[in-house]
Amino acid sequence: MAALQYYDVILKPVLTEKSMAGMGEKKYTFLVNPEANKTQIKEAVEKMFEGAKVAKVNTLNANGRKKRRGMTIGFTAKTKKAIVQLTEDSKDIEIFQGL
């Protein structure tokens, strides 16, 4: 597999009540590529969002859920989330403003 570029690492932001509550503490939640590691996620956030300085990154893997349609059994895609903590002197991420 080819090396991941920074624009391939972050797929989309996660907008839930719990992730919105964390924004007061400068914690932002993103859905990321399952093959990305913490260092790649940190670099991607700092490159994509001007003025953002990452203090730490927490990741969690979610396995696919079992789904049935009649007799056929399958699984949904596995996902990976990243909770990014910014430093105190860092700028906020603009895509979350006004939500």
N, C-alpha and C. Protein backbone atom coordinates (compact mmCIF):
# COMPACT_ATOMS: atom_id res chain seq x y z
N MET A 1 0.85 -1.18 0.00
CA MET A 1 0.00 0.00 0.00
C MET A 1 0.89 1.24 0.00
N ALA A 2 0.45 2.24 -0.73
CA ALA A 2 1.21 3.49 -0.81
C ALA A 2 1.15 4.23 0.52
N ALA A 3 2.11 5.10 0.72
CA ALA A 3 2.15 5.89 1.95
C ALA A 3 0.98 6.86 1.98
N LEU A 4 0.42 7.06 3.15
CA LEU A 4 -0.72 7.97 3.29
C LEU A 4 -0.25 9.42 3.27
N GLN A 5 -0.91 10.25 2.49
CA GLN A 5 -0.66 11.68 2.49
C GLN A 5 -1.54 12.30 3.58
N TYR A 6 -1.21 13.53 3.99
CA TYR A 6 -1.95 14.13 5.10
C TYR A 6 -3.42 14.37 4.76
N TYR A 7 -3.76 14.58 3.50
CA TYR A 7 -5.15 14.79 3.12
C TYR A 7 -5.93 13.48 3.01
N ASP A 8 -5.25 12.34 3.07
CA ASP A 8 -5.91 11.04 3.08
C ASP A 8 -6.17 10.53 4.50
N VAL A 9 -5.55 11.16 5.49
CA VAL A 9 -5.62 10.66 6.86
C VAL A 9 -6.97 11.00 7.49
N ILE A 10 -7.37 12.28 7.47
CA ILE A 10 -8.61 12.71 8.10
C ILE A 10 -9.75 12.58 7.09
N LEU A 11 -10.76 11.79 7.43
CA LEU A 11 -11.87 11.56 6.51
C LEU A 11 -12.99 12.57 6.73
N LYS A 12 -13.45 12.73 7.99
CA LYS A 12 -14.50 13.71 8.28
C LYS A 12 -14.58 13.94 9.78
N PRO A 13 -15.16 15.07 10.20
CA PRO A 13 -15.34 15.30 11.63
C PRO A 13 -16.52 14.49 12.17
N VAL A 14 -16.46 14.18 13.44
CA VAL A 14 -17.56 13.48 14.12
C VAL A 14 -18.37 14.53 14.88
N LEU A 15 -19.64 14.64 14.55
CA LEU A 15 -20.50 15.66 15.16
C LEU A 15 -21.56 14.97 16.01
N THR A 16 -21.25 14.76 17.28
CA THR A 16 -22.19 14.19 18.24
C THR A 16 -22.25 15.10 19.46
N GLU A 17 -23.17 14.83 20.35
CA GLU A 17 -23.28 15.64 21.56
C GLU A 17 -22.01 15.53 22.40
N LYS A 18 -21.45 14.34 22.49
CA LYS A 18 -20.25 14.14 23.30
C LYS A 18 -19.05 14.86 22.68
N SER A 19 -18.93 14.82 21.36
CA SER A 19 -17.80 15.51 20.73
C SER A 19 -17.97 17.02 20.80
N MET A 20 -19.20 17.51 20.75
CA MET A 20 -19.44 18.95 20.88
C MET A 20 -19.11 19.43 22.29
N ALA A 21 -19.37 18.61 23.29
CA ALA A 21 -19.06 18.99 24.67
C ALA A 21 -17.55 19.08 24.88
N GLY A 22 -16.78 18.29 24.16
CA GLY A 22 -15.33 18.30 24.29
C GLY A 22 -14.67 19.50 23.64
N MET A 23 -15.38 20.20 22.78
CA MET A 23 -14.77 21.34 22.09
C MET A 23 -14.47 22.49 23.04
N GLY A 24 -15.15 22.58 24.17
CA GLY A 24 -14.84 23.60 25.16
C GLY A 24 -13.46 23.40 25.76
N GLU A 25 -12.99 22.15 25.77
CA GLU A 25 -11.66 21.82 26.28
C GLU A 25 -10.65 21.67 25.16
N LYS A 26 -11.00 22.15 23.95
CA LYS A 26 -10.15 22.05 22.75
C LYS A 26 -9.87 20.61 22.38
N LYS A 27 -10.89 19.74 22.49
CA LYS A 27 -10.80 18.36 22.04
C LYS A 27 -11.71 18.21 20.83
N TYR A 28 -11.15 17.75 19.73
CA TYR A 28 -11.90 17.59 18.49
C TYR A 28 -11.83 16.14 18.05
N THR A 29 -12.96 15.61 17.55
CA THR A 29 -13.05 14.22 17.17
C THR A 29 -13.17 14.11 15.65
N PHE A 30 -12.37 13.23 15.07
CA PHE A 30 -12.37 13.01 13.63
C PHE A 30 -12.46 11.53 13.33
N LEU A 31 -13.08 11.21 12.20
CA LEU A 31 -13.04 9.87 11.65
C LEU A 31 -11.81 9.81 10.76
N VAL A 32 -10.91 8.88 11.00
CA VAL A 32 -9.64 8.84 10.29
C VAL A 32 -9.47 7.51 9.56
N ASN A 33 -8.48 7.46 8.69
CA ASN A 33 -8.15 6.25 7.95
C ASN A 33 -7.73 5.17 8.95
N PRO A 34 -8.25 3.95 8.83
CA PRO A 34 -7.90 2.89 9.79
C PRO A 34 -6.42 2.53 9.83
N GLU A 35 -5.67 2.86 8.80
CA GLU A 35 -4.25 2.53 8.77
C GLU A 35 -3.36 3.66 9.27
N ALA A 36 -3.95 4.81 9.64
CA ALA A 36 -3.17 5.95 10.10
C ALA A 36 -2.75 5.76 11.56
N ASN A 37 -1.53 6.22 11.88
CA ASN A 37 -1.09 6.16 13.26
C ASN A 37 -1.18 7.55 13.89
N LYS A 38 -0.84 7.65 15.17
CA LYS A 38 -1.00 8.91 15.90
C LYS A 38 -0.11 10.01 15.35
N THR A 39 1.08 9.69 14.93
CA THR A 39 1.99 10.69 14.39
C THR A 39 1.45 11.26 13.08
N GLN A 40 0.91 10.41 12.22
CA GLN A 40 0.33 10.87 10.96
C GLN A 40 -0.89 11.74 11.21
N ILE A 41 -1.70 11.39 12.20
CA ILE A 41 -2.90 12.18 12.52
C ILE A 41 -2.49 13.56 13.03
N LYS A 42 -1.49 13.61 13.89
CA LYS A 42 -1.01 14.89 14.41
C LYS A 42 -0.50 15.78 13.29
N GLU A 43 0.30 15.24 12.38
CA GLU A 43 0.82 16.02 11.26
C GLU A 43 -0.29 16.50 10.35
N ALA A 44 -1.29 15.65 10.11
CA ALA A 44 -2.39 16.02 9.22
C ALA A 44 -3.22 17.16 9.79
N VAL A 45 -3.50 17.13 11.09
CA VAL A 45 -4.28 18.20 11.71
C VAL A 45 -3.51 19.51 11.66
N GLU A 46 -2.22 19.47 11.95
CA GLU A 46 -1.43 20.70 11.95
C GLU A 46 -1.26 21.27 10.55
N LYS A 47 -1.24 20.44 9.52
CA LYS A 47 -1.12 20.93 8.14
C LYS A 47 -2.46 21.41 7.59
N MET A 48 -3.54 20.72 7.92
CA MET A 48 -4.84 21.07 7.34
C MET A 48 -5.47 22.30 7.98
N PHE A 49 -5.23 22.50 9.26
CA PHE A 49 -5.86 23.60 9.98
C PHE A 49 -4.78 24.57 10.44
N GLU A 50 -4.79 25.76 9.87
CA GLU A 50 -3.75 26.77 10.13
C GLU A 50 -3.79 27.22 11.59
N GLY A 51 -2.66 27.20 12.25
CA GLY A 51 -2.55 27.68 13.63
C GLY A 51 -2.90 26.65 14.69
N ALA A 52 -3.22 25.42 14.29
CA ALA A 52 -3.55 24.38 15.26
C ALA A 52 -2.28 23.66 15.69
N LYS A 53 -2.08 23.55 17.00
CA LYS A 53 -0.93 22.83 17.56
C LYS A 53 -1.47 21.70 18.42
N VAL A 54 -1.12 20.49 18.09
CA VAL A 54 -1.67 19.31 18.75
C VAL A 54 -0.83 18.96 19.98
N ALA A 55 -1.52 18.79 21.12
CA ALA A 55 -0.85 18.38 22.34
C ALA A 55 -0.78 16.85 22.42
N LYS A 56 -1.90 16.17 22.16
CA LYS A 56 -1.90 14.71 22.16
C LYS A 56 -3.05 14.18 21.32
N VAL A 57 -2.93 12.92 20.94
CA VAL A 57 -3.92 12.25 20.10
C VAL A 57 -4.30 10.93 20.76
N ASN A 58 -5.58 10.70 20.93
CA ASN A 58 -6.10 9.41 21.40
C ASN A 58 -6.86 8.78 20.24
N THR A 59 -6.66 7.49 20.01
CA THR A 59 -7.34 6.80 18.93
C THR A 59 -8.13 5.62 19.47
N LEU A 60 -9.18 5.24 18.73
CA LEU A 60 -9.93 4.05 19.08
C LEU A 60 -10.42 3.39 17.81
N ASN A 61 -10.33 2.07 17.78
CA ASN A 61 -10.77 1.28 16.65
C ASN A 61 -12.14 0.69 16.96
N ALA A 62 -13.05 0.77 15.98
CA ALA A 62 -14.38 0.18 16.12
C ALA A 62 -14.53 -0.88 15.04
N ASN A 63 -14.75 -2.11 15.45
CA ASN A 63 -14.97 -3.19 14.49
C ASN A 63 -16.30 -3.02 13.81
N GLY A 64 -16.46 -3.63 12.65
CA GLY A 64 -17.72 -3.58 11.93
C GLY A 64 -18.81 -4.34 12.66
N ARG A 65 -20.03 -3.85 12.54
CA ARG A 65 -21.15 -4.52 13.19
C ARG A 65 -21.73 -5.59 12.28
N LYS A 66 -22.29 -6.63 12.90
CA LYS A 66 -22.91 -7.69 12.13
C LYS A 66 -24.28 -7.21 11.66
N LYS A 67 -24.54 -7.35 10.37
CA LYS A 67 -25.83 -6.97 9.79
C LYS A 67 -26.40 -8.18 9.06
N ARG A 68 -27.72 -8.33 9.13
CA ARG A 68 -28.39 -9.42 8.43
C ARG A 68 -29.43 -8.86 7.49
N ARG A 69 -29.55 -9.52 6.37
CA ARG A 69 -30.64 -9.24 5.44
C ARG A 69 -31.15 -10.60 5.00
N GLY A 70 -32.17 -11.08 5.72
CA GLY A 70 -32.66 -12.42 5.47
C GLY A 70 -31.65 -13.44 5.97
N MET A 71 -31.27 -14.35 5.08
CA MET A 71 -30.32 -15.39 5.45
C MET A 71 -28.87 -14.94 5.30
N THR A 72 -28.66 -13.82 4.64
CA THR A 72 -27.30 -13.35 4.38
C THR A 72 -26.78 -12.56 5.58
N ILE A 73 -25.58 -12.88 6.01
CA ILE A 73 -24.95 -12.20 7.14
C ILE A 73 -23.68 -11.52 6.64
N GLY A 74 -23.49 -10.27 7.03
CA GLY A 74 -22.29 -9.54 6.65
C GLY A 74 -21.90 -8.58 7.75
N PHE A 75 -20.83 -7.85 7.52
CA PHE A 75 -20.33 -6.89 8.48
C PHE A 75 -20.20 -5.52 7.84
N THR A 76 -20.46 -4.46 8.60
CA THR A 76 -20.20 -3.11 8.12
C THR A 76 -18.70 -2.85 8.20
N ALA A 77 -18.25 -1.78 7.60
CA ALA A 77 -16.82 -1.48 7.56
C ALA A 77 -16.32 -1.10 8.95
N LYS A 78 -15.08 -1.49 9.26
CA LYS A 78 -14.47 -1.07 10.52
C LYS A 78 -14.02 0.38 10.38
N THR A 79 -14.01 1.10 11.50
CA THR A 79 -13.67 2.52 11.48
C THR A 79 -12.64 2.82 12.56
N LYS A 80 -12.05 4.01 12.47
CA LYS A 80 -11.10 4.46 13.48
C LYS A 80 -11.41 5.93 13.77
N LYS A 81 -11.49 6.26 15.05
CA LYS A 81 -11.73 7.64 15.47
C LYS A 81 -10.48 8.17 16.16
N ALA A 82 -10.28 9.47 16.04
CA ALA A 82 -9.16 10.12 16.71
C ALA A 82 -9.70 11.31 17.48
N ILE A 83 -9.35 11.41 18.76
CA ILE A 83 -9.70 12.56 19.58
C ILE A 83 -8.42 13.37 19.74
N VAL A 84 -8.43 14.59 19.18
CA VAL A 84 -7.23 15.42 19.11
C VAL A 84 -7.34 16.52 20.16
N GLN A 85 -6.37 16.59 21.07
CA GLN A 85 -6.30 17.63 22.10
C GLN A 85 -5.35 18.71 21.62
N LEU A 86 -5.82 19.96 21.50
CA LEU A 86 -4.97 21.07 21.09
C LEU A 86 -4.35 21.73 22.30
N THR A 87 -3.24 22.45 22.10
CA THR A 87 -2.59 23.17 23.18
C THR A 87 -3.41 24.42 23.53
N GLU A 88 -3.13 25.02 24.67
CA GLU A 88 -3.87 26.19 25.13
C GLU A 88 -3.67 27.40 24.23
N ASP A 89 -2.47 27.59 23.71
CA ASP A 89 -2.20 28.76 22.87
C ASP A 89 -2.56 28.52 21.40
N SER A 90 -3.13 27.37 21.08
CA SER A 90 -3.49 27.04 19.71
C SER A 90 -4.80 27.72 19.30
N LYS A 91 -4.94 27.97 18.00
CA LYS A 91 -6.19 28.51 17.48
C LYS A 91 -7.22 27.39 17.39
N ASP A 92 -8.52 27.76 17.49
CA ASP A 92 -9.58 26.79 17.32
C ASP A 92 -9.68 26.35 15.87
N ILE A 93 -10.28 25.20 15.63
CA ILE A 93 -10.47 24.71 14.28
C ILE A 93 -11.74 25.34 13.71
N GLU A 94 -11.66 25.95 12.54
CA GLU A 94 -12.74 26.76 12.00
C GLU A 94 -13.97 25.97 11.59
N ILE A 95 -13.81 24.72 11.16
CA ILE A 95 -14.97 23.97 10.66
C ILE A 95 -15.99 23.69 11.76
N PHE A 96 -15.59 23.78 13.02
CA PHE A 96 -16.50 23.54 14.12
C PHE A 96 -17.13 24.83 14.63
N GLN A 97 -16.77 25.98 14.11
CA GLN A 97 -17.31 27.25 14.59
C GLN A 97 -18.76 27.40 14.16
N GLY A 98 -19.60 27.89 15.04
CA GLY A 98 -21.00 28.15 14.75
C GLY A 98 -21.89 26.93 14.85
N LEU A 99 -21.39 25.82 15.36
CA LEU A 99 -22.23 24.62 15.49
C LEU A 99 -22.80 24.53 16.87
